[in-house]
Full PDB file with SEQRES, HELIX, SHEET, SSBOND, CRYST1, ORIGX, SCALE, CONECT and MASTER records, all heavy atoms in Angstrom:
SEQRES   1 A   31  LEU ALA ALA HIS ALA GLY PRO ASN LEU THR LEU HIS GLU          
SEQRES   2 A   31  PHE PRO GLY ALA TYR HIS CYS LEU HIS ALA ASP SER ASN          
SEQRES   3 A   31  ARG GLN GLU VAL LEU                                          
HELIX    1 AA1 LEU A   21  ALA A   23  5                                   3    
HELIX    2 AA2 ARG A   27  VAL A   30  1                                   4    
CRYST1    1.000    1.000    1.000  90.00  90.00  90.00 P 1           1          
ORIGX1      1.000000  0.000000  0.000000        0.00000                         
ORIGX2      0.000000  1.000000  0.000000        0.00000                         
ORIGX3      0.000000  0.000000  1.000000        0.00000                         
SCALE1      1.000000  0.000000  0.000000        0.00000                         
SCALE2      0.000000  1.000000  0.000000        0.00000                         
SCALE3      0.000000  0.000000  1.000000        0.00000                         
ATOM      1  N   LEU A   1     -32.224  43.576  25.521  1.00  0.00           N  
ATOM      2  CA  LEU A   1     -31.804  44.825  24.809  1.00  0.00           C  
ATOM      3  C   LEU A   1     -30.685  45.552  25.541  1.00  0.00           C  
ATOM      4  O   LEU A   1     -29.669  45.973  25.005  1.00  0.00           O  
ATOM      5  CB  LEU A   1     -32.962  45.779  24.538  1.00  0.00           C  
ATOM      6  CG  LEU A   1     -32.698  47.014  23.739  1.00  0.00           C  
ATOM      7  CD1 LEU A   1     -33.924  47.388  22.852  1.00  0.00           C  
ATOM      8  CD2 LEU A   1     -32.274  48.216  24.567  1.00  0.00           C  
ATOM      9  N   ALA A   2     -30.893  45.673  26.888  1.00  0.00           N  
ATOM     10  CA  ALA A   2     -29.893  46.300  27.796  1.00  0.00           C  
ATOM     11  C   ALA A   2     -28.533  45.506  27.733  1.00  0.00           C  
ATOM     12  O   ALA A   2     -27.496  46.123  27.687  1.00  0.00           O  
ATOM     13  CB  ALA A   2     -30.454  46.380  29.161  1.00  0.00           C  
ATOM     14  N   ALA A   3     -28.558  44.166  27.748  1.00  0.00           N  
ATOM     15  CA  ALA A   3     -27.392  43.353  27.757  1.00  0.00           C  
ATOM     16  C   ALA A   3     -26.625  43.525  26.419  1.00  0.00           C  
ATOM     17  O   ALA A   3     -25.422  43.385  26.453  1.00  0.00           O  
ATOM     18  CB  ALA A   3     -27.795  41.890  27.964  1.00  0.00           C  
ATOM     19  N   HIS A   4     -27.404  43.744  25.328  1.00  0.00           N  
ATOM     20  CA  HIS A   4     -26.734  43.866  24.032  1.00  0.00           C  
ATOM     21  C   HIS A   4     -26.205  45.272  23.720  1.00  0.00           C  
ATOM     22  O   HIS A   4     -25.407  45.488  22.793  1.00  0.00           O  
ATOM     23  CB  HIS A   4     -27.668  43.444  22.907  1.00  0.00           C  
ATOM     24  CG  HIS A   4     -27.908  41.962  22.728  1.00  0.00           C  
ATOM     25  ND1 HIS A   4     -28.651  41.298  23.559  1.00  0.00           N  
ATOM     26  CD2 HIS A   4     -27.303  41.062  21.877  1.00  0.00           C  
ATOM     27  CE1 HIS A   4     -28.697  39.991  23.193  1.00  0.00           C  
ATOM     28  NE2 HIS A   4     -27.844  39.828  22.176  1.00  0.00           N  
ATOM     29  N   ALA A   5     -26.651  46.207  24.534  1.00  0.00           N  
ATOM     30  CA  ALA A   5     -26.271  47.575  24.207  1.00  0.00           C  
ATOM     31  C   ALA A   5     -24.922  47.997  24.765  1.00  0.00           C  
ATOM     32  O   ALA A   5     -24.310  47.237  25.587  1.00  0.00           O  
ATOM     33  CB  ALA A   5     -27.306  48.559  24.868  1.00  0.00           C  
ATOM     34  N   GLY A   6     -24.435  49.161  24.426  1.00  0.00           N  
ATOM     35  CA  GLY A   6     -23.139  49.580  24.953  1.00  0.00           C  
ATOM     36  C   GLY A   6     -23.280  50.301  26.220  1.00  0.00           C  
ATOM     37  O   GLY A   6     -24.370  50.439  26.805  1.00  0.00           O  
ATOM     38  N   PRO A   7     -22.180  50.905  26.717  1.00  0.00           N  
ATOM     39  CA  PRO A   7     -22.175  51.617  28.034  1.00  0.00           C  
ATOM     40  C   PRO A   7     -22.931  52.894  28.032  1.00  0.00           C  
ATOM     41  O   PRO A   7     -23.200  53.411  29.133  1.00  0.00           O  
ATOM     42  CB  PRO A   7     -20.646  51.780  28.268  1.00  0.00           C  
ATOM     43  CG  PRO A   7     -20.065  51.829  26.975  1.00  0.00           C  
ATOM     44  CD  PRO A   7     -20.875  50.839  26.116  1.00  0.00           C  
ATOM     45  N   ASN A   8     -23.341  53.415  26.841  1.00  0.00           N  
ATOM     46  CA  ASN A   8     -24.078  54.646  26.849  1.00  0.00           C  
ATOM     47  C   ASN A   8     -25.643  54.459  27.222  1.00  0.00           C  
ATOM     48  O   ASN A   8     -26.268  55.379  27.289  1.00  0.00           O  
ATOM     49  CB  ASN A   8     -23.969  55.279  25.430  1.00  0.00           C  
ATOM     50  CG  ASN A   8     -24.472  54.287  24.307  1.00  0.00           C  
ATOM     51  OD1 ASN A   8     -23.999  53.176  24.195  1.00  0.00           O  
ATOM     52  ND2 ASN A   8     -25.426  54.783  23.510  1.00  0.00           N  
ATOM     53  N   LEU A   9     -26.027  53.197  27.331  1.00  0.00           N  
ATOM     54  CA  LEU A   9     -27.410  52.829  27.645  1.00  0.00           C  
ATOM     55  C   LEU A   9     -27.469  52.514  29.141  1.00  0.00           C  
ATOM     56  O   LEU A   9     -26.712  51.715  29.693  1.00  0.00           O  
ATOM     57  CB  LEU A   9     -27.950  51.721  26.817  1.00  0.00           C  
ATOM     58  CG  LEU A   9     -29.501  51.377  27.051  1.00  0.00           C  
ATOM     59  CD1 LEU A   9     -30.097  51.087  25.754  1.00  0.00           C  
ATOM     60  CD2 LEU A   9     -29.620  50.321  28.163  1.00  0.00           C  
ATOM     61  N   THR A  10     -28.371  53.116  29.893  1.00  0.00           N  
ATOM     62  CA  THR A  10     -28.586  52.935  31.238  1.00  0.00           C  
ATOM     63  C   THR A  10     -30.017  52.311  31.459  1.00  0.00           C  
ATOM     64  O   THR A  10     -30.947  52.891  31.075  1.00  0.00           O  
ATOM     65  CB  THR A  10     -28.521  54.251  32.064  1.00  0.00           C  
ATOM     66  OG1 THR A  10     -27.245  54.832  31.897  1.00  0.00           O  
ATOM     67  CG2 THR A  10     -28.724  54.027  33.510  1.00  0.00           C  
ATOM     68  N   LEU A  11     -30.097  51.227  32.153  1.00  0.00           N  
ATOM     69  CA  LEU A  11     -31.318  50.553  32.480  1.00  0.00           C  
ATOM     70  C   LEU A  11     -31.776  51.036  33.847  1.00  0.00           C  
ATOM     71  O   LEU A  11     -31.031  50.855  34.859  1.00  0.00           O  
ATOM     72  CB  LEU A  11     -31.202  49.049  32.433  1.00  0.00           C  
ATOM     73  CG  LEU A  11     -32.370  48.255  32.922  1.00  0.00           C  
ATOM     74  CD1 LEU A  11     -33.606  48.478  32.018  1.00  0.00           C  
ATOM     75  CD2 LEU A  11     -32.138  46.766  32.932  1.00  0.00           C  
ATOM     76  N   HIS A  12     -32.988  51.536  33.957  1.00  0.00           N  
ATOM     77  CA  HIS A  12     -33.563  51.992  35.243  1.00  0.00           C  
ATOM     78  C   HIS A  12     -34.785  51.123  35.442  1.00  0.00           C  
ATOM     79  O   HIS A  12     -35.850  51.287  34.737  1.00  0.00           O  
ATOM     80  CB  HIS A  12     -33.851  53.420  35.275  1.00  0.00           C  
ATOM     81  CG  HIS A  12     -34.195  53.968  36.602  1.00  0.00           C  
ATOM     82  ND1 HIS A  12     -34.138  55.346  37.029  1.00  0.00           N  
ATOM     83  CD2 HIS A  12     -34.681  53.321  37.708  1.00  0.00           C  
ATOM     84  CE1 HIS A  12     -34.495  55.465  38.167  1.00  0.00           C  
ATOM     85  NE2 HIS A  12     -34.864  54.297  38.710  1.00  0.00           N  
ATOM     86  N   GLU A  13     -34.859  50.263  36.422  1.00  0.00           N  
ATOM     87  CA  GLU A  13     -36.007  49.428  36.735  1.00  0.00           C  
ATOM     88  C   GLU A  13     -36.735  49.999  37.925  1.00  0.00           C  
ATOM     89  O   GLU A  13     -36.152  50.445  38.865  1.00  0.00           O  
ATOM     90  CB  GLU A  13     -35.541  48.007  37.014  1.00  0.00           C  
ATOM     91  CG  GLU A  13     -35.044  47.254  35.777  1.00  0.00           C  
ATOM     92  CD  GLU A  13     -34.872  45.772  36.038  1.00  0.00           C  
ATOM     93  OE1 GLU A  13     -33.926  45.370  36.648  1.00  0.00           O  
ATOM     94  OE2 GLU A  13     -35.720  45.032  35.500  1.00  0.00           O  
ATOM     95  N   PHE A  14     -38.053  49.830  37.914  1.00  0.00           N  
ATOM     96  CA  PHE A  14     -38.972  50.276  38.974  1.00  0.00           C  
ATOM     97  C   PHE A  14     -39.696  49.080  39.514  1.00  0.00           C  
ATOM     98  O   PHE A  14     -40.555  48.519  38.860  1.00  0.00           O  
ATOM     99  CB  PHE A  14     -39.943  51.314  38.402  1.00  0.00           C  
ATOM    100  CG  PHE A  14     -39.267  52.591  37.912  1.00  0.00           C  
ATOM    101  CD1 PHE A  14     -38.912  52.684  36.566  1.00  0.00           C  
ATOM    102  CD2 PHE A  14     -38.905  53.607  38.689  1.00  0.00           C  
ATOM    103  CE1 PHE A  14     -38.211  53.774  36.086  1.00  0.00           C  
ATOM    104  CE2 PHE A  14     -38.356  54.821  38.203  1.00  0.00           C  
ATOM    105  CZ  PHE A  14     -37.988  54.804  36.875  1.00  0.00           C  
ATOM    106  N   PRO A  15     -39.374  48.574  40.683  1.00  0.00           N  
ATOM    107  CA  PRO A  15     -39.904  47.391  41.251  1.00  0.00           C  
ATOM    108  C   PRO A  15     -41.397  47.398  41.324  1.00  0.00           C  
ATOM    109  O   PRO A  15     -41.981  48.414  41.864  1.00  0.00           O  
ATOM    110  CB  PRO A  15     -39.309  47.313  42.710  1.00  0.00           C  
ATOM    111  CG  PRO A  15     -38.024  48.142  42.537  1.00  0.00           C  
ATOM    112  CD  PRO A  15     -38.303  49.207  41.617  1.00  0.00           C  
ATOM    113  N   GLY A  16     -42.074  46.415  40.784  1.00  0.00           N  
ATOM    114  CA  GLY A  16     -43.532  46.264  40.807  1.00  0.00           C  
ATOM    115  C   GLY A  16     -44.322  47.165  39.927  1.00  0.00           C  
ATOM    116  O   GLY A  16     -45.519  47.005  39.790  1.00  0.00           O  
ATOM    117  N   ALA A  17     -43.669  48.118  39.241  1.00  0.00           N  
ATOM    118  CA  ALA A  17     -44.393  49.083  38.354  1.00  0.00           C  
ATOM    119  C   ALA A  17     -44.983  48.389  37.189  1.00  0.00           C  
ATOM    120  O   ALA A  17     -44.443  47.385  36.669  1.00  0.00           O  
ATOM    121  CB  ALA A  17     -43.478  50.159  37.956  1.00  0.00           C  
ATOM    122  N   TYR A  18     -46.113  48.890  36.739  1.00  0.00           N  
ATOM    123  CA  TYR A  18     -46.779  48.336  35.561  1.00  0.00           C  
ATOM    124  C   TYR A  18     -46.249  48.980  34.272  1.00  0.00           C  
ATOM    125  O   TYR A  18     -45.194  49.530  34.201  1.00  0.00           O  
ATOM    126  CB  TYR A  18     -48.259  48.576  35.665  1.00  0.00           C  
ATOM    127  CG  TYR A  18     -49.056  47.574  36.542  1.00  0.00           C  
ATOM    128  CD1 TYR A  18     -48.316  46.705  37.412  1.00  0.00           C  
ATOM    129  CD2 TYR A  18     -50.378  47.524  36.576  1.00  0.00           C  
ATOM    130  CE1 TYR A  18     -48.970  45.789  38.200  1.00  0.00           C  
ATOM    131  CE2 TYR A  18     -51.081  46.618  37.359  1.00  0.00           C  
ATOM    132  CZ  TYR A  18     -50.354  45.765  38.211  1.00  0.00           C  
ATOM    133  OH  TYR A  18     -51.005  44.869  39.008  1.00  0.00           O  
ATOM    134  N   HIS A  19     -47.032  48.785  33.135  1.00  0.00           N  
ATOM    135  CA  HIS A  19     -46.517  49.127  31.852  1.00  0.00           C  
ATOM    136  C   HIS A  19     -46.284  50.581  31.510  1.00  0.00           C  
ATOM    137  O   HIS A  19     -45.182  51.019  31.151  1.00  0.00           O  
ATOM    138  CB  HIS A  19     -47.430  48.558  30.827  1.00  0.00           C  
ATOM    139  CG  HIS A  19     -47.057  48.680  29.383  1.00  0.00           C  
ATOM    140  ND1 HIS A  19     -45.864  48.147  28.885  1.00  0.00           N  
ATOM    141  CD2 HIS A  19     -47.650  49.313  28.381  1.00  0.00           C  
ATOM    142  CE1 HIS A  19     -45.769  48.466  27.630  1.00  0.00           C  
ATOM    143  NE2 HIS A  19     -46.764  49.143  27.245  1.00  0.00           N  
ATOM    144  N   CYS A  20     -47.318  51.395  31.701  1.00  0.00           N  
ATOM    145  CA  CYS A  20     -47.252  52.806  31.418  1.00  0.00           C  
ATOM    146  C   CYS A  20     -46.687  53.524  32.641  1.00  0.00           C  
ATOM    147  O   CYS A  20     -47.344  54.010  33.479  1.00  0.00           O  
ATOM    148  CB  CYS A  20     -48.539  53.409  31.019  1.00  0.00           C  
ATOM    149  SG  CYS A  20     -48.551  55.140  30.405  1.00  0.00           S  
ATOM    150  N   LEU A  21     -45.331  53.614  32.640  1.00  0.00           N  
ATOM    151  CA  LEU A  21     -44.634  54.019  33.891  1.00  0.00           C  
ATOM    152  C   LEU A  21     -44.983  55.541  34.180  1.00  0.00           C  
ATOM    153  O   LEU A  21     -45.219  55.943  35.317  1.00  0.00           O  
ATOM    154  CB  LEU A  21     -43.152  53.951  33.650  1.00  0.00           C  
ATOM    155  CG  LEU A  21     -42.608  52.519  33.546  1.00  0.00           C  
ATOM    156  CD1 LEU A  21     -41.170  52.412  33.149  1.00  0.00           C  
ATOM    157  CD2 LEU A  21     -42.834  51.752  34.946  1.00  0.00           C  
ATOM    158  N   HIS A  22     -45.100  56.350  33.124  1.00  0.00           N  
ATOM    159  CA  HIS A  22     -45.407  57.784  33.429  1.00  0.00           C  
ATOM    160  C   HIS A  22     -46.844  58.088  33.842  1.00  0.00           C  
ATOM    161  O   HIS A  22     -47.193  59.187  34.161  1.00  0.00           O  
ATOM    162  CB  HIS A  22     -45.066  58.677  32.236  1.00  0.00           C  
ATOM    163  CG  HIS A  22     -45.867  58.426  31.043  1.00  0.00           C  
ATOM    164  ND1 HIS A  22     -45.454  57.766  29.835  1.00  0.00           N  
ATOM    165  CD2 HIS A  22     -47.195  58.743  30.743  1.00  0.00           C  
ATOM    166  CE1 HIS A  22     -46.409  57.755  28.929  1.00  0.00           C  
ATOM    167  NE2 HIS A  22     -47.538  58.328  29.502  1.00  0.00           N  
ATOM    168  N   ALA A  23     -47.657  56.987  33.847  1.00  0.00           N  
ATOM    169  CA  ALA A  23     -49.089  57.172  34.362  1.00  0.00           C  
ATOM    170  C   ALA A  23     -49.303  56.196  35.476  1.00  0.00           C  
ATOM    171  O   ALA A  23     -50.455  56.000  35.943  1.00  0.00           O  
ATOM    172  CB  ALA A  23     -50.077  56.885  33.226  1.00  0.00           C  
ATOM    173  N   ASP A  24     -48.245  55.532  36.042  1.00  0.00           N  
ATOM    174  CA  ASP A  24     -48.414  54.540  37.117  1.00  0.00           C  
ATOM    175  C   ASP A  24     -48.455  55.299  38.418  1.00  0.00           C  
ATOM    176  O   ASP A  24     -48.263  56.556  38.496  1.00  0.00           O  
ATOM    177  CB  ASP A  24     -47.249  53.543  37.022  1.00  0.00           C  
ATOM    178  CG  ASP A  24     -47.560  52.193  37.676  1.00  0.00           C  
ATOM    179  OD1 ASP A  24     -48.807  52.048  37.851  1.00  0.00           O  
ATOM    180  OD2 ASP A  24     -46.741  51.445  37.976  1.00  0.00           O  
ATOM    181  N   SER A  25     -48.625  54.614  39.500  1.00  0.00           N  
ATOM    182  CA  SER A  25     -48.739  55.139  40.831  1.00  0.00           C  
ATOM    183  C   SER A  25     -47.385  55.781  41.263  1.00  0.00           C  
ATOM    184  O   SER A  25     -47.406  56.585  42.187  1.00  0.00           O  
ATOM    185  CB  SER A  25     -49.223  54.119  41.805  1.00  0.00           C  
ATOM    186  OG  SER A  25     -48.411  53.021  41.844  1.00  0.00           O  
ATOM    187  N   ASN A  26     -46.348  55.338  40.677  1.00  0.00           N  
ATOM    188  CA  ASN A  26     -44.983  55.930  41.049  1.00  0.00           C  
ATOM    189  C   ASN A  26     -44.547  56.919  39.971  1.00  0.00           C  
ATOM    190  O   ASN A  26     -43.300  57.071  39.757  1.00  0.00           O  
ATOM    191  CB  ASN A  26     -44.018  54.813  41.232  1.00  0.00           C  
ATOM    192  CG  ASN A  26     -43.691  54.065  39.892  1.00  0.00           C  
ATOM    193  OD1 ASN A  26     -44.548  53.857  39.067  1.00  0.00           O  
ATOM    194  ND2 ASN A  26     -42.484  53.722  39.707  1.00  0.00           N  
ATOM    195  N   ARG A  27     -45.489  57.510  39.237  1.00  0.00           N  
ATOM    196  CA  ARG A  27     -45.144  58.342  38.070  1.00  0.00           C  
ATOM    197  C   ARG A  27     -44.206  59.546  38.397  1.00  0.00           C  
ATOM    198  O   ARG A  27     -43.374  59.961  37.575  1.00  0.00           O  
ATOM    199  CB  ARG A  27     -46.336  58.843  37.287  1.00  0.00           C  
ATOM    200  CG  ARG A  27     -47.251  59.708  38.144  1.00  0.00           C  
ATOM    201  CD  ARG A  27     -48.519  60.083  37.284  1.00  0.00           C  
ATOM    202  NE  ARG A  27     -49.520  60.719  38.088  1.00  0.00           N  
ATOM    203  CZ  ARG A  27     -50.411  60.030  38.819  1.00  0.00           C  
ATOM    204  NH1 ARG A  27     -50.373  58.709  38.881  1.00  0.00           N  
ATOM    205  NH2 ARG A  27     -51.378  60.711  39.436  1.00  0.00           N  
ATOM    206  N   GLN A  28     -44.303  60.082  39.664  1.00  0.00           N  
ATOM    207  CA  GLN A  28     -43.393  61.206  39.968  1.00  0.00           C  
ATOM    208  C   GLN A  28     -41.942  60.764  39.980  1.00  0.00           C  
ATOM    209  O   GLN A  28     -41.057  61.437  39.393  1.00  0.00           O  
ATOM    210  CB  GLN A  28     -43.751  61.691  41.365  1.00  0.00           C  
ATOM    211  CG  GLN A  28     -43.054  63.024  41.641  1.00  0.00           C  
ATOM    212  CD  GLN A  28     -43.436  64.168  40.715  1.00  0.00           C  
ATOM    213  OE1 GLN A  28     -44.590  64.429  40.437  1.00  0.00           O  
ATOM    214  NE2 GLN A  28     -42.418  64.809  40.172  1.00  0.00           N  
ATOM    215  N   GLU A  29     -41.682  59.484  40.489  1.00  0.00           N  
ATOM    216  CA  GLU A  29     -40.361  59.000  40.540  1.00  0.00           C  
ATOM    217  C   GLU A  29     -39.852  58.776  39.065  1.00  0.00           C  
ATOM    218  O   GLU A  29     -38.682  59.103  38.676  1.00  0.00           O  
ATOM    219  CB  GLU A  29     -40.284  57.668  41.273  1.00  0.00           C  
ATOM    220  CG  GLU A  29     -38.939  57.010  41.276  1.00  0.00           C  
ATOM    221  CD  GLU A  29     -39.050  55.525  41.880  1.00  0.00           C  
ATOM    222  OE1 GLU A  29     -40.173  55.068  42.036  1.00  0.00           O  
ATOM    223  OE2 GLU A  29     -37.941  54.998  42.069  1.00  0.00           O  
ATOM    224  N   VAL A  30     -40.765  58.226  38.238  1.00  0.00           N  
ATOM    225  CA  VAL A  30     -40.421  58.026  36.775  1.00  0.00           C  
ATOM    226  C   VAL A  30     -40.117  59.274  36.058  1.00  0.00           C  
ATOM    227  O   VAL A  30     -39.072  59.369  35.365  1.00  0.00           O  
ATOM    228  CB  VAL A  30     -41.597  57.223  36.120  1.00  0.00           C  
ATOM    229  CG1 VAL A  30     -41.278  57.071  34.613  1.00  0.00           C  
ATOM    230  CG2 VAL A  30     -41.758  55.876  36.755  1.00  0.00           C  
ATOM    231  N   LEU A  31     -41.028  60.272  36.215  1.00  0.00           N  
ATOM    232  CA  LEU A  31     -40.794  61.573  35.515  1.00  0.00           C  
ATOM    233  C   LEU A  31     -39.539  62.263  35.994  1.00  0.00           C  
ATOM    234  O   LEU A  31     -38.827  62.866  35.226  1.00  0.00           O  
ATOM    235  CB  LEU A  31     -42.055  62.418  35.680  1.00  0.00           C  
ATOM    236  CG  LEU A  31     -43.262  61.927  34.959  1.00  0.00           C  
ATOM    237  CD1 LEU A  31     -44.475  62.690  35.342  1.00  0.00           C  
ATOM    238  CD2 LEU A  31     -43.142  62.008  33.449  1.00  0.00           C  
TER     239      LEU A  31                                                      
MASTER        0    0    0    2    0    0    0    6  238    1    0    3          
END                                                                             
């Protein structure tokens, strides 16, 4: 999806994080 999108889309990946990012152990960084 990110590869097909235009420059207005930003992909932010979180190494090792699980599915529900806003409830994961790194949720402060996500939020």
